[in-house]
C-alpha atoms as a PDB file:
ATOM      1  CA  UNK A   1      -0.302   0.045   0.179  1.00  0.00           C
ATOM      2  CA  UNK A   2       1.304   3.373  -0.749  1.00  0.00           C
ATOM      3  CA  UNK A   3       2.150   5.253   2.569  1.00  0.00           C
ATOM      4  CA  UNK A   4       0.288   8.454   3.229  1.00  0.00           C
ATOM      5  CA  UNK A   5       2.027  11.784   2.041  1.00  0.00           C
ATOM      6  CA  UNK A   6       3.648  13.161   5.001  1.00  0.00           C
ATOM      7  CA  UNK A   7       1.806  16.836   4.960  1.00  0.00           C
ATOM      8  CA  UNK A   8      -1.322  17.949   4.206  1.00  0.00           C
ATOM      9  CA  UNK A   9      -1.544  19.772   0.782  1.00  0.00           C
ATOM     10  CA  UNK A  10      -2.223  23.477   0.741  1.00  0.00           C
ATOM     11  CA  UNK A  11      -5.101  22.859  -1.373  1.00  0.00           C
ATOM     12  CA  UNK A  12      -6.865  20.029  -3.123  1.00  0.00           C
ATOM     13  CA  UNK A  13      -8.569  20.168  -6.051  1.00  0.00           C
ATOM     14  CA  UNK A  14     -11.154  17.516  -8.366  1.00  0.00           C
ATOM     15  CA  UNK A  15     -13.075  17.766 -11.357  1.00  0.00           C
ATOM     16  CA  UNK A  16     -16.208  16.966 -10.643  1.00  0.00           C
ATOM     17  CA  UNK A  17     -19.564  16.378 -13.171  1.00  0.00           C
ATOM     18  CA  UNK A  18     -22.107  18.771 -12.928  1.00  0.00           C
ATOM     19  CA  UNK A  19     -24.162  16.761 -11.079  1.00  0.00           C
ATOM     20  CA  UNK A  20     -21.507  16.060  -8.414  1.00  0.00           C
ATOM     21  CA  UNK A  21     -21.649  19.823  -8.291  1.00  0.00           C
ATOM     22  CA  UNK A  22     -25.023  20.220  -7.475  1.00  0.00           C
ATOM     23  CA  UNK A  23     -25.408  17.486  -5.385  1.00  0.00           C
ATOM     24  CA  UNK A  24     -22.323  18.666  -3.174  1.00  0.00           C
ATOM     25  CA  UNK A  25     -24.000  21.938  -2.918  1.00  0.00           C
ATOM     26  CA  UNK A  26     -27.121  20.305  -1.499  1.00  0.00           C
ATOM     27  CA  UNK A  27     -24.962  18.593   0.881  1.00  0.00           C
ATOM     28  CA  UNK A  28     -23.486  21.661   2.187  1.00  0.00           C
ATOM     29  CA  UNK A  29     -26.260  24.143   2.263  1.00  0.00           C
ATOM     30  CA  UNK A  30     -28.263  21.541   4.544  1.00  0.00           C
ATOM     31  CA  UNK A  31     -25.073  21.384   6.921  1.00  0.00           C
ATOM     32  CA  UNK A  32     -25.348  24.967   7.135  1.00  0.00           C
ATOM     33  CA  UNK A  33     -22.287  26.280   5.266  1.00  0.00           C
ATOM     34  CA  UNK A  34     -22.286  30.000   4.088  1.00  0.00           C
ATOM     35  CA  UNK A  35     -23.262  30.341   0.244  1.00  0.00           C
ATOM     36  CA  UNK A  36     -22.187  32.392  -2.260  1.00  0.00           C
ATOM     37  CA  UNK A  37     -21.284  32.769  -6.219  1.00  0.00           C
ATOM     38  CA  UNK A  38     -18.085  34.614  -7.185  1.00  0.00           C
ATOM     39  CA  UNK A  39     -17.558  35.224 -10.845  1.00  0.00           C
ATOM     40  CA  UNK A  40     -16.680  31.909 -12.667  1.00  0.00           C
ATOM     41  CA  UNK A  41     -17.792  29.884  -9.988  1.00  0.00           C
ATOM     42  CA  UNK A  42     -21.013  27.683  -9.623  1.00  0.00           C
ATOM     43  CA  UNK A  43     -20.905  28.433  -6.025  1.00  0.00           C
ATOM     44  CA  UNK A  44     -18.572  28.856  -2.967  1.00  0.00           C
ATOM     45  CA  UNK A  45     -19.104  27.697   0.299  1.00  0.00           C
ATOM     46  CA  UNK A  46     -17.324  28.756   3.592  1.00  0.00           C
ATOM     47  CA  UNK A  47     -17.084  27.525   7.085  1.00  0.00           C
ATOM     48  CA  UNK A  48     -14.911  28.856   9.838  1.00  0.00           C
ATOM     49  CA  UNK A  49     -11.430  28.649   7.499  1.00  0.00           C
ATOM     50  CA  UNK A  50     -12.055  26.244   5.365  1.00  0.00           C
ATOM     51  CA  UNK A  51     -13.390  27.385   1.750  1.00  0.00           C
ATOM     52  CA  UNK A  52     -15.037  25.069  -0.949  1.00  0.00           C
ATOM     53  CA  UNK A  53     -15.334  26.654  -4.379  1.00  0.00           C
ATOM     54  CA  UNK A  54     -16.804  25.121  -7.608  1.00  0.00           C
ATOM     55  CA  UNK A  55     -15.543  26.642 -10.528  1.00  0.00           C
ATOM     56  CA  UNK A  56     -17.507  26.797 -14.144  1.00  0.00           C
ATOM     57  CA  UNK A  57     -14.691  24.689 -15.388  1.00  0.00           C
ATOM     58  CA  UNK A  58     -15.952  21.824 -13.279  1.00  0.00           C
ATOM     59  CA  UNK A  59     -13.053  21.975 -11.089  1.00  0.00           C
ATOM     60  CA  UNK A  60     -13.571  21.930  -7.525  1.00  0.00           C
ATOM     61  CA  UNK A  61     -11.386  23.503  -4.869  1.00  0.00           C
ATOM     62  CA  UNK A  62     -10.833  23.082  -1.320  1.00  0.00           C
ATOM     63  CA  UNK A  63      -8.540  25.210   1.056  1.00  0.00           C
ATOM     64  CA  UNK A  64      -8.263  25.707   4.750  1.00  0.00           C
ATOM     65  CA  UNK A  65      -8.012  23.892   8.685  1.00  0.00           C
ATOM     66  CA  UNK A  66     -10.694  21.394   7.575  1.00  0.00           C
ATOM     67  CA  UNK A  67      -9.177  20.498   4.100  1.00  0.00           C
ATOM     68  CA  UNK A  68      -8.720  16.878   5.370  1.00  0.00           C
ATOM     69  CA  UNK A  69     -12.088  16.318   7.056  1.00  0.00           C
ATOM     70  CA  UNK A  70     -13.784  17.817   4.358  1.00  0.00           C
ATOM     71  CA  UNK A  71     -12.161  15.311   1.807  1.00  0.00           C
ATOM     72  CA  UNK A  72     -12.193  12.278   3.675  1.00  0.00           C
ATOM     73  CA  UNK A  73     -15.633  12.571   5.367  1.00  0.00           C
ATOM     74  CA  UNK A  74     -17.645  14.644   2.929  1.00  0.00           C
ATOM     75  CA  UNK A  75     -16.335  14.675  -0.852  1.00  0.00           C
ATOM     76  CA  UNK A  76     -15.003  11.428  -0.860  1.00  0.00           C
ATOM     77  CA  UNK A  77     -17.962   9.075   0.999  1.00  0.00           C
ATOM     78  CA  UNK A  78     -20.985  10.967  -0.463  1.00  0.00           C
ATOM     79  CA  UNK A  79     -19.840  12.669  -3.901  1.00  0.00           C
ATOM     80  CA  UNK A  80     -16.672  10.685  -5.102  1.00  0.00           C
ATOM     81  CA  UNK A  81     -17.317   7.267  -3.957  1.00  0.00           C
ATOM     82  CA  UNK A  82     -13.896   6.209  -3.619  1.00  0.00           C
ATOM     83  CA  UNK A  83     -11.194   6.667  -0.846  1.00  0.00           C
ATOM     84  CA  UNK A  84      -7.920   7.976  -1.936  1.00  0.00           C
ATOM     85  CA  UNK A  85      -6.886  11.245   0.164  1.00  0.00           C
ATOM     86  CA  UNK A  86      -3.547  10.762   1.428  1.00  0.00           C
ATOM     87  CA  UNK A  87      -2.377   7.814  -0.416  1.00  0.00           C
ATOM     88  CA  UNK A  88      -1.682   9.380  -3.526  1.00  0.00           C
ATOM     89  CA  UNK A  89       2.299   8.875  -4.739  1.00  0.00           C
ATOM     90  CA  UNK A  90       4.047  11.607  -3.233  1.00  0.00           C
ATOM     91  CA  UNK A  91       4.613  14.117  -5.321  1.00  0.00           C
ATOM     92  CA  UNK A  92       6.588  17.380  -5.878  1.00  0.00           C
ATOM     93  CA  UNK A  93       5.543  20.030  -3.424  1.00  0.00           C
ATOM     94  CA  UNK A  94       3.918  17.022  -0.616  1.00  0.00           C
ATOM     95  CA  UNK A  95       0.961  15.263  -2.875  1.00  0.00           C
ATOM     96  CA  UNK A  96       0.138  18.719  -5.091  1.00  0.00           C
ATOM     97  CA  UNK A  97      -1.928  17.987  -7.889  1.00  0.00           C
ATOM     98  CA  UNK A  98       0.441  17.820 -10.821  1.00  0.00           C
ATOM     99  CA  UNK A  99      -1.038  21.164 -12.292  1.00  0.00           C
ATOM    100  CA  UNK A 100      -0.025  22.621  -9.115  1.00  0.00           C
ATOM    101  CA  UNK A 101       3.707  21.770  -9.089  1.00  0.00           C
ATOM    102  CA  UNK A 102       5.821  24.436 -11.097  1.00  0.00           C
ATOM    103  CA  UNK A 103       5.927  23.487 -14.809  1.00  0.00           C
ATOM    104  CA  UNK A 104       5.578  25.254 -18.140  1.00  0.00           C
ATOM    105  CA  UNK A 105       2.614  24.526 -20.649  1.00  0.00           C
ATOM    106  CA  UNK A 106       2.481  25.496 -24.588  1.00  0.00           C
ATOM    107  CA  UNK A 107      -0.727  26.084 -26.669  1.00  0.00           C
ATOM    108  CA  UNK A 108      -1.628  27.618 -30.152  1.00  0.00           C
ATOM    109  CA  UNK A 109      -4.167  29.703 -31.614  1.00  0.00           C
ATOM    110  CA  UNK A 110      -4.895  30.474 -35.261  1.00  0.00           C
ATOM    111  CA  UNK A 111      -4.070  26.490 -36.353  1.00  0.00           C
ATOM    112  CA  UNK A 112      -7.111  26.056 -38.262  1.00  0.00           C
ATOM    113  CA  UNK A 113      -7.974  30.103 -39.049  1.00  0.00           C
ATOM    114  CA  UNK A 114      -7.666  31.024 -42.744  1.00  0.00           C
ATOM    115  CA  UNK A 115      -7.021  34.409 -42.012  1.00  0.00           C
ATOM    116  CA  UNK A 116      -4.705  36.150 -39.581  1.00  0.00           C
ATOM    117  CA  UNK A 117      -1.384  34.553 -37.917  1.00  0.00           C
ATOM    118  CA  UNK A 118      -0.874  31.421 -36.166  1.00  0.00           C
ATOM    119  CA  UNK A 119       0.476  31.886 -32.445  1.00  0.00           C
ATOM    120  CA  UNK A 120       2.472  29.837 -30.023  1.00  0.00           C
ATOM    121  CA  UNK A 121       2.265  30.857 -26.152  1.00  0.00           C
ATOM    122  CA  UNK A 122       4.129  29.224 -23.124  1.00  0.00           C
ATOM    123  CA  UNK A 123       3.745  29.898 -20.150  1.00  0.00           C
ATOM    124  CA  UNK A 124       5.290  29.027 -16.497  1.00  0.00           C
ATOM    125  CA  UNK A 125       3.630  28.362 -13.262  1.00  0.00           C
ATOM    126  CA  UNK A 126       3.729  27.323  -9.771  1.00  0.00           C
ATOM    127  CA  UNK A 127       1.635  26.702  -6.881  1.00  0.00           C
ATOM    128  CA  UNK A 128       0.968  30.275  -6.254  1.00  0.00           C
ATOM    129  CA  UNK A 129       0.305  31.402  -9.824  1.00  0.00           C
ATOM    130  CA  UNK A 130      -1.813  28.499 -10.542  1.00  0.00           C
ATOM    131  CA  UNK A 131      -3.942  29.324  -7.520  1.00  0.00           C
ATOM    132  CA  UNK A 132      -4.645  33.127  -8.886  1.00  0.00           C
ATOM    133  CA  UNK A 133      -4.870  31.750 -12.589  1.00  0.00           C
ATOM    134  CA  UNK A 134      -7.707  29.583 -11.060  1.00  0.00           C
ATOM    135  CA  UNK A 135      -9.525  32.141  -9.554  1.00  0.00           C
ATOM    136  CA  UNK A 136      -9.198  34.689 -12.191  1.00  0.00           C
ATOM    137  CA  UNK A 137     -11.267  31.878 -14.112  1.00  0.00           C
ATOM    138  CA  UNK A 138      -8.251  30.987 -16.446  1.00  0.00           C
ATOM    139  CA  UNK A 139      -9.719  28.160 -18.745  1.00  0.00           C
ATOM    140  CA  UNK A 140      -9.148  27.046 -21.719  1.00  0.00           C
ATOM    141  CA  UNK A 141      -9.748  29.977 -24.443  1.00  0.00           C
ATOM    142  CA  UNK A 142     -11.817  27.706 -26.703  1.00  0.00           C
ATOM    143  CA  UNK A 143     -14.538  27.928 -23.619  1.00  0.00           C
ATOM    144  CA  UNK A 144     -14.634  31.548 -23.558  1.00  0.00           C
ATOM    145  CA  UNK A 145     -16.396  32.882 -26.848  1.00  0.00           C
ATOM    146  CA  UNK A 146     -15.866  36.480 -25.504  1.00  0.00           C
ATOM    147  CA  UNK A 147     -12.954  38.035 -27.047  1.00  0.00           C
ATOM    148  CA  UNK A 148     -12.917  41.027 -24.670  1.00  0.00           C
ATOM    149  CA  UNK A 149     -13.070  38.539 -22.118  1.00  0.00           C
ATOM    150  CA  UNK A 150      -9.879  36.880 -23.223  1.00  0.00           C
ATOM    151  CA  UNK A 151      -8.299  40.137 -23.454  1.00  0.00           C
ATOM    152  CA  UNK A 152      -9.374  41.355 -20.012  1.00  0.00           C
ATOM    153  CA  UNK A 153      -8.035  37.649 -18.269  1.00  0.00           C
ATOM    154  CA  UNK A 154      -4.700  37.750 -20.453  1.00  0.00           C
ATOM    155  CA  UNK A 155      -3.828  41.350 -19.553  1.00  0.00           C
ATOM    156  CA  UNK A 156      -3.950  39.999 -16.077  1.00  0.00           C
ATOM    157  CA  UNK A 157      -1.809  36.875 -16.520  1.00  0.00           C
ATOM    158  CA  UNK A 158       1.329  38.409 -16.803  1.00  0.00           C
ATOM    159  CA  UNK A 159       1.674  39.586 -13.482  1.00  0.00           C
ATOM    160  CA  UNK A 160       0.230  36.577 -12.007  1.00  0.00           C
ATOM    161  CA  UNK A 161       2.951  34.305 -13.613  1.00  0.00           C
ATOM    162  CA  UNK A 162       5.889  37.077 -12.886  1.00  0.00           C
ATOM    163  CA  UNK A 163       6.298  37.740 -16.880  1.00  0.00           C
ATOM    164  CA  UNK A 164       7.206  34.127 -16.909  1.00  0.00           C
ATOM    165  CA  UNK A 165       5.509  33.660 -20.349  1.00  0.00           C
ATOM    166  CA  UNK A 166       6.683  33.758 -24.465  1.00  0.00           C
ATOM    167  CA  UNK A 167       4.305  34.367 -27.327  1.00  0.00           C
ATOM    168  CA  UNK A 168       5.565  33.470 -30.829  1.00  0.00           C
ATOM    169  CA  UNK A 169       3.522  35.299 -33.509  1.00  0.00           C
ATOM    170  CA  UNK A 170       3.862  34.308 -37.112  1.00  0.00           C
ATOM    171  CA  UNK A 171       2.108  36.666 -39.171  1.00  0.00           C
ATOM    172  CA  UNK A 172       0.484  35.324 -42.392  1.00  0.00           C
ATOM    173  CA  UNK A 173       3.618  36.232 -44.483  1.00  0.00           C
ATOM    174  CA  UNK A 174       6.198  34.922 -42.744  1.00  0.00           C
ATOM    175  CA  UNK A 175       3.751  31.831 -42.315  1.00  0.00           C
ATOM    176  CA  UNK A 176       3.483  31.166 -46.050  1.00  0.00           C
ATOM    177  CA  UNK A 177       7.067  31.748 -46.152  1.00  0.00           C
ATOM    178  CA  UNK A 178       7.788  28.761 -43.644  1.00  0.00           C
ATOM    179  CA  UNK A 179       5.666  26.568 -45.300  1.00  0.00           C
ATOM    180  CA  UNK A 180       6.877  26.854 -48.306  1.00  0.00           C
ATOM    181  CA  UNK A 181      10.224  25.974 -47.040  1.00  0.00           C
ATOM    182  CA  UNK A 182       8.772  23.095 -44.101  1.00  0.00           C
ATOM    183  CA  UNK A 183       5.747  21.853 -46.292  1.00  0.00           C
ATOM    184  CA  UNK A 184       4.386  20.285 -43.073  1.00  0.00           C
ATOM    185  CA  UNK A 185       2.136  21.981 -40.463  1.00  0.00           C
ATOM    186  CA  UNK A 186       2.892  19.523 -37.700  1.00  0.00           C
ATOM    187  CA  UNK A 187       6.623  20.447 -38.024  1.00  0.00           C
ATOM    188  CA  UNK A 188       5.749  24.135 -38.232  1.00  0.00           C
ATOM    189  CA  UNK A 189       3.750  23.767 -35.090  1.00  0.00           C
ATOM    190  CA  UNK A 190       6.765  21.965 -33.466  1.00  0.00           C
ATOM    191  CA  UNK A 191       9.093  24.795 -34.585  1.00  0.00           C
ATOM    192  CA  UNK A 192       6.982  27.478 -33.138  1.00  0.00           C
ATOM    193  CA  UNK A 193       6.472  25.276 -29.670  1.00  0.00           C
ATOM    194  CA  UNK A 194      10.150  25.027 -29.291  1.00  0.00           C
ATOM    195  CA  UNK A 195      10.498  28.747 -29.867  1.00  0.00           C
ATOM    196  CA  UNK A 196       8.209  29.668 -27.557  1.00  0.00           C
ATOM    197  CA  UNK A 197       9.385  27.305 -24.673  1.00  0.00           C
ATOM    198  CA  UNK A 198      12.945  28.565 -25.557  1.00  0.00           C
ATOM    199  CA  UNK A 199      11.712  31.801 -24.908  1.00  0.00           C
ATOM    200  CA  UNK A 200       9.837  31.258 -21.956  1.00  0.00           C
ATOM    201  CA  UNK A 201      13.416  29.254 -20.498  1.00  0.00           C
ATOM    202  CA  UNK A 202      15.172  32.474 -20.593  1.00  0.00           C
ATOM    203  CA  UNK A 203      12.497  33.991 -18.372  1.00  0.00           C
ATOM    204  CA  UNK A 204      12.024  31.009 -16.274  1.00  0.00           C
ATOM    205  CA  UNK A 205      15.407  28.761 -16.549  1.00  0.00           C
ATOM    206  CA  UNK A 206      14.148  26.895 -13.283  1.00  0.00           C
ATOM    207  CA  UNK A 207      11.623  25.448 -15.512  1.00  0.00           C
ATOM    208  CA  UNK A 208      12.252  21.685 -16.305  1.00  0.00           C
ATOM    209  CA  UNK A 209       8.995  20.436 -17.832  1.00  0.00           C
ATOM    210  CA  UNK A 210       6.500  21.642 -20.233  1.00  0.00           C
ATOM    211  CA  UNK A 211       3.544  20.462 -21.171  1.00  0.00           C
ATOM    212  CA  UNK A 212       1.924  20.747 -24.755  1.00  0.00           C
ATOM    213  CA  UNK A 213      -1.617  19.962 -26.328  1.00  0.00           C
ATOM    214  CA  UNK A 214      -1.211  16.660 -28.307  1.00  0.00           C
ATOM    215  CA  UNK A 215      -0.752  17.502 -32.217  1.00  0.00           C
ATOM    216  CA  UNK A 216       1.592  15.316 -33.365  1.00  0.00           C
ATOM    217  CA  UNK A 217       4.813  13.227 -32.547  1.00  0.00           C
ATOM    218  CA  UNK A 218       6.188  15.058 -29.131  1.00  0.00           C
ATOM    219  CA  UNK A 219       9.961  13.769 -31.075  1.00  0.00           C
ATOM    220  CA  UNK A 220       9.496  16.792 -33.172  1.00  0.00           C
ATOM    221  CA  UNK A 221       9.365  19.551 -30.376  1.00  0.00           C
ATOM    222  CA  UNK A 222      12.188  17.528 -28.356  1.00  0.00           C
ATOM    223  CA  UNK A 223      14.311  17.588 -31.699  1.00  0.00           C
ATOM    224  CA  UNK A 224      13.919  21.075 -32.605  1.00  0.00           C
ATOM    225  CA  UNK A 225      14.781  21.983 -28.651  1.00  0.00           C
ATOM    226  CA  UNK A 226      17.777  19.967 -28.908  1.00  0.00           C
ATOM    227  CA  UNK A 227      18.714  21.945 -31.582  1.00  0.00           C
ATOM    228  CA  UNK A 228      18.488  25.243 -29.896  1.00  0.00           C
ATOM    229  CA  UNK A 229      20.900  23.273 -26.864  1.00  0.00           C
ATOM    230  CA  UNK A 230      17.342  22.765 -24.785  1.00  0.00           C
ATOM    231  CA  UNK A 231      16.905  19.521 -22.842  1.00  0.00           C
ATOM    232  CA  UNK A 232      13.647  19.483 -20.924  1.00  0.00           C
ATOM    233  CA  UNK A 233      10.896  16.719 -20.007  1.00  0.00           C
ATOM    234  CA  UNK A 234       8.238  17.322 -22.443  1.00  0.00           C
ATOM    235  CA  UNK A 235       4.940  16.012 -22.989  1.00  0.00           C
ATOM    236  CA  UNK A 236       1.806  16.032 -24.789  1.00  0.00           C
ATOM    237  CA  UNK A 237      -1.364  14.805 -24.148  1.00  0.00           C
ATOM    238  CA  UNK A 238      -4.643  15.394 -25.764  1.00  0.00           C
ATOM    239  CA  UNK A 239      -7.501  17.821 -23.957  1.00  0.00           C
ATOM    240  CA  UNK A 240      -3.896  19.198 -22.048  1.00  0.00           C
ATOM    241  CA  UNK A 241      -5.854  22.398 -21.993  1.00  0.00           C
ATOM    242  CA  UNK A 242      -7.306  21.520 -18.629  1.00  0.00           C
ATOM    243  CA  UNK A 243      -4.009  21.851 -16.948  1.00  0.00           C
ATOM    244  CA  UNK A 244      -3.808  25.765 -15.568  1.00  0.00           C
ATOM    245  CA  UNK A 245      -0.381  26.402 -17.666  1.00  0.00           C
ATOM    246  CA  UNK A 246      -1.640  25.028 -20.809  1.00  0.00           C
ATOM    247  CA  UNK A 247      -4.867  27.088 -20.083  1.00  0.00           C
ATOM    248  CA  UNK A 248      -3.129  30.276 -19.293  1.00  0.00           C
ATOM    249  CA  UNK A 249      -0.789  29.798 -23.042  1.00  0.00           C
ATOM    250  CA  UNK A 250      -4.102  29.075 -24.370  1.00  0.00           C
ATOM    251  CA  UNK A 251      -5.560  32.398 -23.547  1.00  0.00           C
ATOM    252  CA  UNK A 252      -2.256  34.556 -24.329  1.00  0.00           C
ATOM    253  CA  UNK A 253      -2.347  32.867 -28.008  1.00  0.00           C
ATOM    254  CA  UNK A 254      -6.016  33.828 -28.440  1.00  0.00           C
ATOM    255  CA  UNK A 255      -5.566  36.964 -27.658  1.00  0.00           C
ATOM    256  CA  UNK A 256      -2.688  37.533 -29.791  1.00  0.00           C
ATOM    257  CA  UNK A 257      -4.275  35.709 -32.329  1.00  0.00           C
ATOM    258  CA  UNK A 258      -7.343  38.230 -32.019  1.00  0.00           C
ATOM    259  CA  UNK A 259      -4.797  41.241 -32.227  1.00  0.00           C
ATOM    260  CA  UNK A 260      -2.821  40.260 -35.044  1.00  0.00           C
ATOM    261  CA  UNK A 261      -6.054  39.811 -36.820  1.00  0.00           C
ATOM    262  CA  UNK A 262      -7.027  43.178 -36.103  1.00  0.00           C
ATOM    263  CA  UNK A 263      -4.490  44.781 -37.281  1.00  0.00           C
ATOM    264  CA  UNK A 264      -4.721  42.378 -40.675  1.00  0.00           C
ATOM    265  CA  UNK A 265      -8.438  44.050 -41.091  1.00  0.00           C
ATOM    266  CA  UNK A 266      -6.763  47.526 -41.609  1.00  0.00           C
ATOM    267  CA  UNK A 267      -4.552  46.152 -44.088  1.00  0.00           C
ATOM    268  CA  UNK A 268      -7.306  44.019 -45.964  1.00  0.00           C
ATOM    269  CA  UNK A 269      -9.483  46.897 -45.561  1.00  0.00           C
ATOM    270  CA  UNK A 270     -12.314  45.194 -43.939  1.00  0.00           C
ATOM    271  CA  UNK A 271     -13.123  42.880 -41.080  1.00  0.00           C
ATOM    272  CA  UNK A 272     -11.673  39.503 -41.628  1.00  0.00           C
ATOM    273  CA  UNK A 273     -13.369  36.789 -40.549  1.00  0.00           C
ATOM    274  CA  UNK A 274     -12.367  33.507 -38.217  1.00  0.00           C
ATOM    275  CA  UNK A 275     -12.083  30.060 -38.733  1.00  0.00           C
ATOM    276  CA  UNK A 276     -12.706  28.459 -42.149  1.00  0.00           C
ATOM    277  CA  UNK A 277     -15.757  28.411 -44.345  1.00  0.00           C
ATOM    278  CA  UNK A 278     -18.242  29.733 -46.562  1.00  0.00           C
ATOM    279  CA  UNK A 279     -18.142  33.589 -44.935  1.00  0.00           C
ATOM    280  CA  UNK A 280     -14.335  33.259 -45.255  1.00  0.00           C
ATOM    281  CA  UNK A 281     -14.342  31.824 -48.705  1.00  0.00           C
ATOM    282  CA  UNK A 282     -16.309  34.707 -49.752  1.00  0.00           C
ATOM    283  CA  UNK A 283     -14.237  37.315 -48.034  1.00  0.00           C
ATOM    284  CA  UNK A 284     -11.564  36.048 -49.743  1.00  0.00           C
ATOM    285  CA  UNK A 285     -13.078  36.236 -52.974  1.00  0.00           C
ATOM    286  CA  UNK A 286     -13.874  39.537 -52.375  1.00  0.00           C
ATOM    287  CA  UNK A 287     -10.191  40.955 -51.287  1.00  0.00           C
ATOM    288  CA  UNK A 288      -9.041  39.468 -54.308  1.00  0.00           C
ATOM    289  CA  UNK A 289     -11.344  41.448 -56.513  1.00  0.00           C
ATOM    290  CA  UNK A 290     -10.648  44.470 -54.776  1.00  0.00           C
ATOM    291  CA  UNK A 291      -6.680  43.828 -54.404  1.00  0.00           C
ATOM    292  CA  UNK A 292      -5.387  41.192 -56.304  1.00  0.00           C
ATOM    293  CA  UNK A 293      -4.318  37.777 -55.277  1.00  0.00           C
ATOM    294  CA  UNK A 294      -1.683  38.635 -54.098  1.00  0.00           C
ATOM    295  CA  UNK A 295      -3.524  39.905 -50.990  1.00  0.00           C
ATOM    296  CA  UNK A 296      -3.651  36.490 -49.891  1.00  0.00           C
ATOM    297  CA  UNK A 297      -0.196  36.081 -49.281  1.00  0.00           C
ATOM    298  CA  UNK A 298      -0.655  38.974 -46.799  1.00  0.00           C
ATOM    299  CA  UNK A 299      -3.595  38.068 -44.828  1.00  0.00           C
ATOM    300  CA  UNK A 300      -4.329  34.135 -45.227  1.00  0.00           C
ATOM    301  CA  UNK A 301      -2.459  31.082 -44.800  1.00  0.00           C
ATOM    302  CA  UNK A 302      -2.524  30.242 -48.459  1.00  0.00           C
ATOM    303  CA  UNK A 303      -2.208  26.389 -48.520  1.00  0.00           C
ATOM    304  CA  UNK A 304      -5.435  26.088 -47.128  1.00  0.00           C
ATOM    305  CA  UNK A 305      -7.942  24.526 -49.747  1.00  0.00           C
ATOM    306  CA  UNK A 306      -9.917  28.017 -49.389  1.00  0.00           C
ATOM    307  CA  UNK A 307      -7.193  29.446 -51.845  1.00  0.00           C
ATOM    308  CA  UNK A 308      -7.666  26.909 -54.345  1.00  0.00           C
ATOM    309  CA  UNK A 309     -11.266  27.557 -54.565  1.00  0.00           C
ATOM    310  CA  UNK A 310     -11.057  31.220 -54.566  1.00  0.00           C
ATOM    311  CA  UNK A 311      -8.383  31.043 -57.352  1.00  0.00           C
ATOM    312  CA  UNK A 312     -10.324  28.201 -58.984  1.00  0.00           C
ATOM    313  CA  UNK A 313      -7.478  25.787 -58.527  1.00  0.00           C
ATOM    314  CA  UNK A 314      -9.064  23.322 -56.791  1.00  0.00           C
ATOM    315  CA  UNK A 315      -7.437  20.200 -58.662  1.00  0.00           C
ATOM    316  CA  UNK A 316      -3.935  21.449 -57.344  1.00  0.00           C
ATOM    317  CA  UNK A 317      -2.469  18.852 -54.987  1.00  0.00           C
ATOM    318  CA  UNK A 318      -0.218  21.742 -53.346  1.00  0.00           C
ATOM    319  CA  UNK A 319      -3.790  22.999 -51.300  1.00  0.00           C
ATOM    320  CA  UNK A 320      -4.931  21.152 -48.398  1.00  0.00           C
END
């Protein structure tokens, strides 16, 4: 049997289903916990010096003097229906959840958008920063539909992480040159992630591990880092945005993408839509009619099949 960890964690975190969050609130209300609803939460319960917060992201945090009793006698038997607290393998910082241990996260934005740049961001978090980012409402940028909200959160992140972040923006012209040279989106992404991580390590030399969303063979990023003389523990997983460092990176990347797209709006003389679809294709046709084919190289990722449709080259295998 694993031994209990030596020290009680400062904060306990679990992800609950919507049903579990509702059921837990019912239990706590019945027990007389003080309830309120801060921003980005379903609810927050407080009793004496113990605080339980259910965030809209699905994460539940427990902090305070009675943390252990709450988990052992309420959360596990009534909600999780499992016994595990205190028997986890000891992780750095005395059993804290992995995302609360110091590490970096990287993510990209703009990969599937015809117009606009490709942006890759990397963010380093420690326990203090992770707690504050969670309280700020940081979560996967794709779950936040409002650009102003993305901008507001992104503006607050640098101070929280003590400016240990990096953003690499590859504008359309540079993107198209790189694609012509590399010829593979995943290799371009690997190059971008490696560059963002390299820049992050200059600001956070204590960073020894980075998590990235799964987009291809992680050896691509490792090889790119090795070429720059960097060796770190790098891992990829699907839905990595559930990790607080990766989620913060996703917000920084999305905010930079939106800002880059707005700059290109002025160059194009009209708003450029996000994504890739009928509206995007129509806008591209209008741009070509006004400015000629060369405008696409300046505002769009021209290897997309959208370019072939707009220019009548749908049989050309060079578009994807």
